[in-house]
Amino acid sequence: MLDKEDLQSIGEIMDTKLAQQKTEMMQEVSGMLAQQKTEMMQDVSGMMDTKLAQQKTEIMQDVSGLLAQQKTEIMQEVSGLMDTKLAQHTVDMTRKMNVLIESKVDPKINLLMEGHSSILEKLIPFPRIEKLEEKVAILEVAVRQLSK
């Protein structure tokens, strides 16, 4: 049988072996945990990258849509303002043209009409010219007969 010293030695050896196995198991578990932690961090990082890329795409689409909408609204406003300005400019130009015609052209036309009227008054009326032509024709016939 084993005596007390043998049992103590066996206990110490077993304690040493158990401590050694415990240390090995702890190292192995620690390594596995570190590896799992690394894998989980990579998985989480990949998922975060995917989610961030998806969110970035959604945000860019939203911003693009908003910019296009704002551009359309601005273009409509500018077009409306240009139409208004053009209409106002047309009205202003029409007024200025009317003023110019009334102040410069109308008086000159009136002067021409007065000059034309005085020329017409000095002209012999058409029926009178016809009578004169008839008389001249008769005179021409008479002169021809007399000169023969």
Protein backbone atom coordinates (compact mmCIF):
# COMPACT_ATOMS: atom_id res chain seq x y z
CA MET A 1 0.00 0.00 0.00
CA LEU A 2 0.84 3.54 -0.46
CA ASP A 3 1.88 5.54 2.39
CA LYS A 4 1.15 9.10 3.12
CA GLU A 5 4.26 10.45 1.43
CA ASP A 6 3.53 8.49 -1.73
CA LEU A 7 0.01 9.82 -1.75
CA GLN A 8 1.30 13.34 -1.28
CA SER A 9 3.78 12.89 -4.11
CA ILE A 10 1.06 11.50 -6.32
CA GLY A 11 -1.18 14.41 -5.32
CA GLU A 12 1.58 16.88 -6.13
CA ILE A 13 2.26 15.21 -9.47
CA MET A 14 -1.46 15.24 -10.21
CA ASP A 15 -1.72 18.86 -9.13
CA THR A 16 1.22 19.74 -11.40
CA LYS A 17 -0.30 17.78 -14.28
CA LEU A 18 -3.70 19.35 -13.68
CA ALA A 19 -2.15 22.80 -13.49
CA GLN A 20 -0.23 22.11 -16.68
CA GLN A 21 -3.38 20.82 -18.44
CA LYS A 22 -5.33 23.76 -17.06
CA THR A 23 -2.72 26.15 -18.47
CA GLU A 24 -2.75 24.36 -21.83
CA MET A 25 -6.55 24.38 -21.92
CA MET A 26 -6.63 28.04 -20.95
CA GLN A 27 -4.16 28.86 -23.72
CA GLU A 28 -6.15 26.80 -26.19
CA VAL A 29 -9.44 28.40 -25.11
CA SER A 30 -7.78 31.83 -25.16
CA GLY A 31 -6.53 31.19 -28.71
CA MET A 32 -9.95 29.98 -29.82
CA LEU A 33 -11.60 33.01 -28.23
CA ALA A 34 -9.09 35.33 -29.91
CA GLN A 35 -9.72 33.65 -33.26
CA GLN A 36 -13.49 33.84 -32.79
CA LYS A 37 -13.15 37.46 -31.72
CA THR A 38 -11.11 38.22 -34.86
CA GLU A 39 -13.63 36.40 -37.07
CA MET A 40 -16.53 38.18 -35.41
CA MET A 41 -14.79 41.55 -35.80
CA GLN A 42 -14.19 40.82 -39.48
CA ASP A 43 -17.82 39.77 -39.93
CA VAL A 44 -19.05 42.87 -38.11
CA SER A 45 -16.65 45.06 -40.10
CA GLY A 46 -17.86 43.51 -43.37
CA MET A 47 -21.50 43.98 -42.38
CA MET A 48 -20.80 47.58 -41.37
CA ASP A 49 -19.01 48.24 -44.67
CA THR A 50 -21.95 46.75 -46.58
CA LYS A 51 -24.48 48.72 -44.57
CA LEU A 52 -22.48 51.95 -44.94
CA ALA A 53 -22.16 51.42 -48.69
CA GLN A 54 -25.91 50.78 -48.92
CA GLN A 55 -26.68 53.89 -46.88
CA LYS A 56 -24.24 55.93 -48.96
CA THR A 57 -25.97 54.77 -52.14
CA GLU A 58 -29.40 55.62 -50.71
CA ILE A 59 -28.22 59.04 -49.56
CA MET A 60 -26.63 59.77 -52.95
CA GLN A 61 -29.86 58.78 -54.70
CA ASP A 62 -31.89 60.97 -52.35
CA VAL A 63 -29.52 63.90 -52.83
CA SER A 64 -29.52 63.40 -56.59
CA GLY A 65 -33.31 63.38 -56.64
CA LEU A 66 -33.51 66.50 -54.49
CA LEU A 67 -30.96 68.30 -56.67
CA ALA A 68 -32.86 67.37 -59.81
CA GLN A 69 -36.10 68.59 -58.25
CA GLN A 70 -34.50 71.85 -57.14
CA LYS A 71 -32.97 72.32 -60.58
CA THR A 72 -36.39 71.84 -62.18
CA GLU A 73 -38.00 74.29 -59.76
CA ILE A 74 -35.25 76.87 -60.34
CA MET A 75 -35.52 76.48 -64.11
CA GLN A 76 -39.29 76.97 -63.92
CA GLU A 77 -38.87 80.07 -61.77
CA VAL A 78 -36.20 81.50 -64.09
CA SER A 79 -38.36 80.74 -67.12
CA GLY A 80 -41.32 82.49 -65.50
CA LEU A 81 -39.19 85.48 -64.60
CA MET A 82 -37.77 85.65 -68.11
CA ASP A 83 -41.26 85.47 -69.63
CA THR A 84 -42.41 88.25 -67.32
CA LYS A 85 -39.36 90.38 -68.10
CA LEU A 86 -39.74 89.76 -71.83
CA ALA A 87 -43.42 90.70 -71.75
CA GLN A 88 -42.62 93.83 -69.73
CA HIS A 89 -39.78 94.71 -72.11
CA THR A 90 -42.09 94.21 -75.11
CA VAL A 91 -44.69 96.52 -73.59
CA ASP A 92 -42.01 99.12 -72.84
CA MET A 93 -40.59 98.89 -76.36
CA THR A 94 -44.09 99.19 -77.86
CA ARG A 95 -44.73 102.33 -75.81
CA LYS A 96 -41.40 103.81 -76.85
CA MET A 97 -42.06 102.99 -80.50
CA ASN A 98 -45.50 104.63 -80.29
CA VAL A 99 -44.01 107.72 -78.68
CA LEU A 100 -41.30 107.84 -81.35
CA ILE A 101 -43.84 107.46 -84.15
CA GLU A 102 -46.09 110.13 -82.67
CA SER A 103 -43.25 112.56 -82.04
CA LYS A 104 -41.03 112.02 -85.12
CA VAL A 105 -42.83 110.17 -87.89
CA ASP A 106 -46.38 111.57 -87.66
CA PRO A 107 -45.27 115.21 -87.99
CA LYS A 108 -43.16 114.35 -91.05
CA ILE A 109 -46.02 112.43 -92.64
CA ASN A 110 -48.33 115.37 -91.97
CA LEU A 111 -45.83 117.70 -93.65
CA LEU A 112 -45.65 115.38 -96.65
CA MET A 113 -49.41 115.27 -96.85
CA GLU A 114 -49.60 119.07 -96.75
CA GLY A 115 -46.99 119.28 -99.53
CA HIS A 116 -48.83 116.64 -101.53
CA SER A 117 -52.10 118.55 -101.07
CA SER A 118 -50.56 121.76 -102.35
CA ILE A 119 -49.12 119.89 -105.36
CA LEU A 120 -52.51 118.33 -106.06
CA GLU A 121 -54.15 121.77 -105.88
CA LYS A 122 -51.70 123.08 -108.47
CA LEU A 123 -52.29 120.17 -110.82
CA ILE A 124 -54.87 120.46 -113.53
CA PRO A 125 -57.86 118.28 -112.85
CA PHE A 126 -58.06 115.12 -114.99
CA PRO A 127 -61.33 115.97 -116.80
CA ARG A 128 -59.80 119.28 -117.82
CA ILE A 129 -56.70 117.48 -119.16
CA GLU A 130 -58.93 115.20 -121.24
CA LYS A 131 -60.63 118.22 -122.77
CA LEU A 132 -57.23 119.79 -123.52
CA GLU A 133 -56.03 116.56 -125.15
CA GLU A 134 -59.12 116.54 -127.37
CA LYS A 135 -58.49 120.14 -128.37
CA VAL A 136 -54.81 119.43 -129.11
CA ALA A 137 -55.78 116.46 -131.26
CA ILE A 138 -58.18 118.64 -133.25
CA LEU A 139 -55.50 121.30 -133.62
CA GLU A 140 -53.00 118.70 -134.85
CA VAL A 141 -55.43 117.52 -137.52
CA ALA A 142 -56.11 121.11 -138.57
CA VAL A 143 -52.38 121.92 -138.75
CA ARG A 144 -51.74 118.83 -140.88
CA GLN A 145 -54.50 119.75 -143.30
CA LEU A 146 -53.32 123.31 -143.57
CA SER A 147 -49.73 122.35 -144.11
CA LYS A 148 -50.59 120.12 -147.07
